[in-house]
Amino acid sequence: MTRVLMVFDLPYAVKPGYDFAEEFADPDGSYTENDVYQALLECGYDVHRLSLFDDVRPLLDAVRDVNPDVIFNLCDTFHDVTHWDKNILATMELLGIPCTGASSSALFLCNDKALSKKILRFHRVRTPRFHTFYRGHKVWLPKTLKLPCIIKPLTEEASRGISQASIVDDEASFVARVEMIHERMSLDAIAEEYIDGRELYVSIIGDRALRMLPAREMTFGQMAEDEPRIATYKAKWDDTYRKRWGIKNHFAKTLEPELQKRIADICKRAYRALNLRSYARFDLRVTAAGQIYVVEPNVNPCIAKDDELAQSALKAGINYPSLIRKVVNQALRRKG
């Protein structure tokens, strides 16, 4: 029987043998971990669970004691720092155990919004124009950027640090927003030209042969026409806010075959350019003129049963346990 060590993060340390009953039962807590755990059990794997907070020694102990065939990696943070997910994965890689999802180098590339955009632009994949502002350096409005712009933390995920105030249309607001990210969030910042268009989420699974999954879309039903339509943190995660403004996620409609073909080509090229594997999701903007922009690559995106990737897989005929089995099998093929 295949032994799977499922590793995830919690915002606190727990003792060995902890059962995670409270966390896995909380619909607002470890719901992704619970979904994956139940699917792994349904697939017949011998599953061992491990949570990490601020110490890697439990990982070393678990690998020694369990001797897993594969690690199902669900670590998004370490010690509450999001961009240390790559460091935990690199530690797993040093142990020589196949891991699900992206490599540590892919996490490094895609966690840095500017670096991933540079690679995509080199490969002629259209992205919004951007400029990076590192802490301790002068902040100004570059002549190469056209307003309005959206100001984001350079290395955050899940839309943390993004709100309606992130859209700026004058130099004073531009500088103030960058400085807020520097000073209040203690993070570097990236400024991107705002692309007005449809917000699409396109998922891919595969290593050698890539499979495109049906596109999902976020729509902003009740927002005023002159309001920027962006996937803020509240638009993604605050159910009350979503209901108030009629924000919905659903399968994209009225995508013409030619447009679908171009989206698939662009996403596959981006996937290859960033050397991705296993599964990923691309956040796109499609303008009224049909121009396609890759706004952001998401490696190891949320794989909960009700999230975008799993819903797209189900639409393509891949039920949830089958999706989890595919992810495990991809890792096992890399063994040795």
Protein backbone atom coordinates (compact mmCIF):
# COMPACT_ATOMS: atom_id res chain seq x y z
CA MET A 1 0.00 0.00 0.00
CA THR A 2 1.33 3.43 -0.96
CA ARG A 3 2.26 5.49 2.11
CA VAL A 4 1.38 9.18 1.82
CA LEU A 5 2.67 11.79 4.25
CA MET A 6 0.26 14.74 3.97
CA VAL A 7 2.04 17.89 5.16
CA PHE A 8 0.23 21.18 5.77
CA ASP A 9 0.63 24.31 7.88
CA LEU A 10 -1.17 25.55 10.97
CA PRO A 11 -0.69 28.91 12.76
CA TYR A 12 0.43 27.07 15.90
CA ALA A 13 2.38 23.98 16.89
CA VAL A 14 0.68 20.73 17.94
CA LYS A 15 1.98 17.70 19.79
CA PRO A 16 2.79 14.38 18.04
CA GLY A 17 -0.28 12.21 17.62
CA TYR A 18 -2.64 15.21 17.41
CA ASP A 19 -5.88 14.22 15.63
CA PHE A 20 -6.78 17.54 13.90
CA ALA A 21 -10.48 16.81 14.55
CA GLU A 22 -11.35 20.41 15.44
CA GLU A 23 -9.46 21.97 12.51
CA PHE A 24 -10.78 19.54 9.92
CA ALA A 25 -14.36 19.94 11.12
CA ASP A 26 -14.25 23.75 10.81
CA PRO A 27 -15.76 24.88 7.45
CA ASP A 28 -13.62 28.04 7.67
CA GLY A 29 -10.53 26.20 8.89
CA SER A 30 -8.57 23.36 7.31
CA TYR A 31 -11.25 22.51 4.75
CA THR A 32 -8.77 21.96 1.91
CA GLU A 33 -6.71 19.62 4.05
CA ASN A 34 -9.84 17.71 5.07
CA ASP A 35 -10.98 17.40 1.44
CA VAL A 36 -7.60 16.04 0.37
CA TYR A 37 -7.33 13.73 3.39
CA GLN A 38 -10.74 12.16 2.76
CA ALA A 39 -9.94 11.73 -0.96
CA LEU A 40 -6.60 10.09 -0.17
CA LEU A 41 -8.35 7.64 2.14
CA GLU A 42 -10.99 6.95 -0.52
CA CYS A 43 -8.19 6.17 -2.96
CA GLY A 44 -6.91 3.51 -0.59
CA TYR A 45 -3.64 5.14 0.46
CA ASP A 46 -2.03 4.72 3.89
CA VAL A 47 -2.20 8.37 4.98
CA HIS A 48 -0.23 10.06 7.76
CA ARG A 49 -0.91 13.71 8.60
CA LEU A 50 1.66 16.26 9.73
CA SER A 51 1.26 19.98 10.42
CA LEU A 52 4.14 22.45 10.55
CA PHE A 53 4.33 25.85 12.18
CA ASP A 54 7.81 27.13 13.06
CA ASP A 55 9.98 24.02 13.33
CA VAL A 56 11.10 21.64 10.56
CA ARG A 57 12.21 18.87 12.92
CA PRO A 58 8.76 17.22 12.99
CA LEU A 59 9.08 16.81 9.21
CA LEU A 60 12.43 15.08 9.58
CA ASP A 61 11.04 12.84 12.30
CA ALA A 62 7.93 11.94 10.27
CA VAL A 63 9.96 11.03 7.17
CA ARG A 64 12.17 8.81 9.32
CA ASP A 65 9.28 7.14 11.14
CA VAL A 66 6.71 6.85 8.33
CA ASN A 67 9.15 6.28 5.44
CA PRO A 68 6.56 7.66 2.97
CA ASP A 69 6.48 6.84 -0.71
CA VAL A 70 5.26 10.36 -1.46
CA ILE A 71 4.64 13.65 0.33
CA PHE A 72 1.36 15.39 -0.47
CA ASN A 73 2.47 18.98 -0.02
CA LEU A 74 -0.17 21.46 1.18
CA CYS A 75 2.20 23.87 2.97
CA ASP A 76 1.37 27.48 2.06
CA THR A 77 3.26 29.19 4.89
CA PHE A 78 5.93 28.61 7.50
CA HIS A 79 5.89 30.61 10.74
CA ASP A 80 3.06 32.64 9.13
CA VAL A 81 5.36 33.76 6.29
CA THR A 82 3.82 32.96 2.90
CA HIS A 83 6.97 33.10 0.75
CA TRP A 84 8.71 30.50 2.93
CA ASP A 85 6.56 27.76 1.36
CA LYS A 86 9.39 27.23 -1.15
CA ASN A 87 11.88 26.73 1.70
CA ILE A 88 9.78 23.96 3.23
CA LEU A 89 9.41 22.29 -0.16
CA ALA A 90 13.16 22.58 -0.75
CA THR A 91 13.70 20.80 2.57
CA MET A 92 11.35 18.02 1.43
CA GLU A 93 13.29 17.75 -1.83
CA LEU A 94 16.56 17.40 0.12
CA LEU A 95 15.06 14.37 1.88
CA GLY A 96 14.66 12.63 -1.48
CA ILE A 97 10.92 11.96 -1.17
CA PRO A 98 8.75 12.72 -4.23
CA CYS A 99 6.46 15.68 -3.54
CA THR A 100 3.17 16.58 -5.17
CA GLY A 101 2.71 19.84 -7.01
CA ALA A 102 5.30 22.35 -8.14
CA SER A 103 9.04 22.25 -7.52
CA SER A 104 10.68 24.67 -5.09
CA SER A 105 12.26 26.53 -8.03
CA ALA A 106 8.82 27.05 -9.62
CA LEU A 107 7.45 28.34 -6.30
CA PHE A 108 10.36 30.77 -6.12
CA LEU A 109 9.78 32.04 -9.66
CA CYS A 110 6.03 32.42 -9.43
CA ASN A 111 5.94 33.86 -5.92
CA ASP A 112 7.87 36.85 -7.28
CA LYS A 113 5.32 38.58 -9.50
CA ALA A 114 7.95 40.64 -11.32
CA LEU A 115 10.33 37.75 -11.98
CA SER A 116 7.61 35.53 -13.42
CA LYS A 117 6.40 38.39 -15.64
CA LYS A 118 9.91 38.94 -16.99
CA ILE A 119 10.15 35.28 -17.97
CA LEU A 120 6.71 35.33 -19.60
CA ARG A 121 7.47 38.51 -21.54
CA PHE A 122 10.75 36.95 -22.77
CA HIS A 123 8.65 34.07 -24.14
CA ARG A 124 6.25 36.54 -25.80
CA VAL A 125 3.38 35.89 -23.40
CA ARG A 126 1.50 39.15 -22.92
CA THR A 127 1.41 40.49 -19.35
CA PRO A 128 0.48 43.94 -18.02
CA ARG A 129 3.31 46.48 -18.03
CA PHE A 130 4.79 46.76 -14.57
CA HIS A 131 7.44 48.31 -12.36
CA THR A 132 8.91 46.93 -9.13
CA PHE A 133 9.51 49.06 -6.04
CA TYR A 134 11.82 47.62 -3.42
CA ARG A 135 11.89 48.93 0.12
CA GLY A 136 14.52 51.56 0.87
CA HIS A 137 14.45 53.03 -2.65
CA LYS A 138 12.78 56.07 -4.16
CA VAL A 139 9.12 55.75 -5.21
CA TRP A 140 7.85 57.58 -8.30
CA LEU A 141 5.45 57.15 -11.20
CA PRO A 142 7.50 55.78 -14.13
CA LYS A 143 6.83 57.25 -17.55
CA THR A 144 6.62 53.71 -18.91
CA LEU A 145 3.36 53.08 -17.02
CA LYS A 146 -0.06 54.40 -17.97
CA LEU A 147 -2.66 55.11 -15.29
CA PRO A 148 -4.76 53.62 -13.85
CA CYS A 149 -2.47 51.11 -12.18
CA ILE A 150 -2.98 48.44 -9.57
CA ILE A 151 -0.45 48.32 -6.71
CA LYS A 152 0.20 44.93 -5.08
CA PRO A 153 2.63 43.33 -2.66
CA LEU A 154 5.37 41.72 -4.73
CA THR A 155 5.38 38.32 -3.04
CA GLU A 156 1.96 37.85 -1.41
CA GLU A 157 -0.68 35.37 -2.55
CA ALA A 158 -4.47 34.90 -2.41
CA SER A 159 -5.00 38.66 -3.07
CA ARG A 160 -3.67 39.62 0.35
CA GLY A 161 -2.99 43.36 0.34
CA ILE A 162 -5.33 44.02 -2.61
CA SER A 163 -8.43 46.19 -2.18
CA GLN A 164 -10.32 48.75 -4.24
CA ALA A 165 -7.78 51.29 -2.92
CA SER A 166 -5.10 49.33 -4.81
CA ILE A 167 -6.35 50.95 -8.04
CA VAL A 168 -4.75 54.38 -8.42
CA ASP A 169 -5.30 56.98 -11.12
CA ASP A 170 -2.97 59.83 -10.11
CA GLU A 171 0.66 60.13 -9.05
CA ALA A 172 -0.02 61.03 -5.42
CA SER A 173 -2.23 57.97 -4.90
CA PHE A 174 0.32 55.83 -6.75
CA VAL A 175 3.18 56.84 -4.43
CA ALA A 176 1.02 56.62 -1.30
CA ARG A 177 -0.13 53.07 -2.06
CA VAL A 178 3.41 51.83 -2.73
CA GLU A 179 4.62 53.44 0.49
CA MET A 180 1.74 51.85 2.43
CA ILE A 181 2.84 48.38 1.29
CA HIS A 182 6.45 49.21 2.18
CA GLU A 183 5.70 50.65 5.60
CA ARG A 184 2.57 48.91 6.91
CA MET A 185 3.04 45.49 5.32
CA SER A 186 6.87 45.53 5.32
CA LEU A 187 6.86 44.14 1.79
CA ASP A 188 8.22 45.13 -1.61
CA ALA A 189 5.61 46.31 -4.13
CA ILE A 190 4.76 45.93 -7.80
CA ALA A 191 2.74 48.38 -9.88
CA GLU A 192 0.91 47.01 -12.93
CA GLU A 193 -1.19 48.74 -15.54
CA TYR A 194 -4.85 47.97 -14.89
CA ILE A 195 -6.32 45.85 -17.70
CA ASP A 196 -10.05 46.32 -18.16
CA GLY A 197 -11.61 43.03 -19.20
CA ARG A 198 -12.99 39.67 -18.17
CA GLU A 199 -11.40 37.94 -15.17
CA LEU A 200 -10.76 34.31 -16.14
CA TYR A 201 -9.17 31.44 -14.23
CA VAL A 202 -7.68 28.69 -16.38
CA SER A 203 -6.31 25.51 -14.82
CA ILE A 204 -3.89 22.97 -16.29
CA ILE A 205 -2.90 19.53 -15.03
CA GLY A 206 -0.05 17.42 -16.31
CA ASP A 207 3.70 17.11 -16.72
CA ARG A 208 4.59 15.93 -20.22
CA ALA A 209 1.09 15.90 -21.71
CA LEU A 210 -0.88 18.94 -20.55
CA ARG A 211 -4.63 18.93 -20.10
CA MET A 212 -6.53 22.21 -20.19
CA LEU A 213 -9.56 22.38 -17.92
CA PRO A 214 -12.71 24.44 -18.57
CA ALA A 215 -12.22 28.13 -17.78
CA ARG A 216 -13.83 29.73 -14.75
CA GLU A 217 -14.77 33.41 -14.49
CA MET A 218 -15.37 35.98 -11.76
CA THR A 219 -18.17 38.42 -12.58
CA PHE A 220 -19.05 41.62 -10.74
CA GLY A 221 -22.81 41.88 -11.15
CA GLN A 222 -23.83 44.91 -9.09
CA MET A 223 -20.70 47.06 -9.11
CA ALA A 224 -20.99 50.45 -10.77
CA GLU A 225 -19.80 50.62 -14.37
CA ASP A 226 -17.01 53.07 -13.49
CA GLU A 227 -15.73 50.92 -10.60
CA PRO A 228 -12.63 48.84 -11.36
CA ARG A 229 -13.48 45.16 -11.42
CA ILE A 230 -10.63 43.41 -9.64
CA ALA A 231 -10.30 40.26 -7.56
CA THR A 232 -9.63 41.93 -4.22
CA TYR A 233 -9.14 39.94 -1.03
CA LYS A 234 -12.76 40.64 -0.07
CA ALA A 235 -14.02 39.74 -3.55
CA LYS A 236 -12.38 36.32 -3.17
CA TRP A 237 -12.94 35.45 0.47
CA ASP A 238 -15.64 37.63 2.10
CA ASP A 239 -19.04 36.02 1.45
CA THR A 240 -20.98 39.05 2.75
CA TYR A 241 -19.07 41.40 0.44
CA ARG A 242 -19.53 39.04 -2.52
CA LYS A 243 -23.27 38.85 -1.94
CA ARG A 244 -23.57 42.62 -1.55
CA TRP A 245 -21.94 43.33 -4.90
CA GLY A 246 -23.20 40.28 -6.79
CA ILE A 247 -19.72 38.83 -7.24
CA LYS A 248 -19.86 35.26 -8.52
CA ASN A 249 -17.48 32.59 -9.74
CA HIS A 250 -18.82 30.33 -12.47
CA PHE A 251 -17.82 28.61 -15.67
CA ALA A 252 -16.97 31.10 -18.38
CA LYS A 253 -19.67 31.54 -21.00
CA THR A 254 -19.61 32.87 -24.57
CA LEU A 255 -15.98 32.03 -25.20
CA GLU A 256 -15.68 31.66 -28.94
CA PRO A 257 -13.78 28.57 -30.16
CA GLU A 258 -11.00 30.71 -31.65
CA LEU A 259 -10.59 32.60 -28.35
CA GLN A 260 -10.58 29.34 -26.39
CA LYS A 261 -7.84 28.03 -28.69
CA ARG A 262 -5.70 31.13 -28.15
CA ILE A 263 -6.24 30.97 -24.36
CA ALA A 264 -5.15 27.32 -24.34
CA ASP A 265 -2.06 28.07 -26.42
CA ILE A 266 -1.02 31.00 -24.22
CA CYS A 267 -1.54 29.10 -20.96
CA LYS A 268 0.39 26.07 -22.18
CA ARG A 269 3.25 28.30 -23.34
CA ALA A 270 3.28 30.03 -19.95
CA TYR A 271 3.20 26.67 -18.13
CA ARG A 272 6.22 25.45 -20.14
CA ALA A 273 8.09 28.77 -19.87
CA LEU A 274 7.89 28.67 -16.07
CA ASN A 275 8.81 24.96 -15.99
CA LEU A 276 5.65 24.03 -14.11
CA ARG A 277 4.41 20.54 -13.37
CA SER A 278 1.48 18.68 -11.83
CA TYR A 279 -1.16 21.43 -11.65
CA ALA A 280 -1.41 25.21 -11.88
CA ARG A 281 -3.92 27.98 -12.49
CA PHE A 282 -3.50 31.14 -14.53
CA ASP A 283 -5.35 34.35 -13.75
CA LEU A 284 -6.13 36.05 -17.05
CA ARG A 285 -7.65 39.28 -18.29
CA VAL A 286 -9.34 39.21 -21.69
CA THR A 287 -10.12 42.62 -23.16
CA ALA A 288 -13.13 43.52 -25.30
CA ALA A 289 -10.74 43.47 -28.30
CA GLY A 290 -9.77 39.86 -27.50
CA GLN A 291 -6.30 40.56 -26.14
CA ILE A 292 -5.25 37.99 -23.54
CA TYR A 293 -3.07 39.00 -20.60
CA VAL A 294 -1.57 36.60 -18.07
CA VAL A 295 -1.96 38.56 -14.85
CA GLU A 296 -0.56 35.92 -12.54
CA PRO A 297 0.51 32.26 -12.50
CA ASN A 298 -0.62 30.28 -9.45
CA VAL A 299 1.44 27.19 -8.66
CA ASN A 300 0.05 24.81 -6.07
CA PRO A 301 -3.27 26.72 -6.15
CA CYS A 302 -6.05 25.81 -3.75
CA ILE A 303 -7.10 22.23 -4.45
CA ALA A 304 -10.18 22.16 -2.22
CA LYS A 305 -13.17 20.30 -3.63
CA ASP A 306 -15.19 23.50 -4.16
CA ASP A 307 -12.38 25.69 -5.52
CA GLU A 308 -11.64 26.62 -9.12
CA LEU A 309 -9.26 23.83 -10.12
CA ALA A 310 -11.30 20.94 -8.71
CA GLN A 311 -14.52 22.38 -10.12
CA SER A 312 -12.93 22.68 -13.55
CA ALA A 313 -11.62 19.13 -13.29
CA LEU A 314 -15.10 17.85 -12.39
CA LYS A 315 -16.54 19.69 -15.41
CA ALA A 316 -13.95 17.86 -17.53
CA GLY A 317 -15.08 14.50 -16.15
CA ILE A 318 -12.43 14.08 -13.42
CA ASN A 319 -14.06 13.55 -10.04
CA TYR A 320 -12.30 14.72 -6.90
CA PRO A 321 -10.71 11.43 -5.76
CA SER A 322 -9.48 10.85 -9.32
CA LEU A 323 -7.92 14.33 -9.36
CA ILE A 324 -6.09 13.66 -6.09
CA ARG A 325 -4.93 10.26 -7.40
CA LYS A 326 -3.58 11.93 -10.55
CA VAL A 327 -1.60 14.39 -8.44
CA VAL A 328 -0.13 11.57 -6.35
CA ASN A 329 0.72 9.46 -9.41
CA GLN A 330 2.49 12.42 -11.05
CA ALA A 331 4.76 12.67 -8.01
CA LEU A 332 5.37 8.91 -7.86
CA ARG A 333 6.51 8.90 -11.51
CA ARG A 334 9.29 11.32 -10.53
CA LYS A 335 10.62 8.92 -7.89
CA GLY A 336 14.29 8.19 -8.40
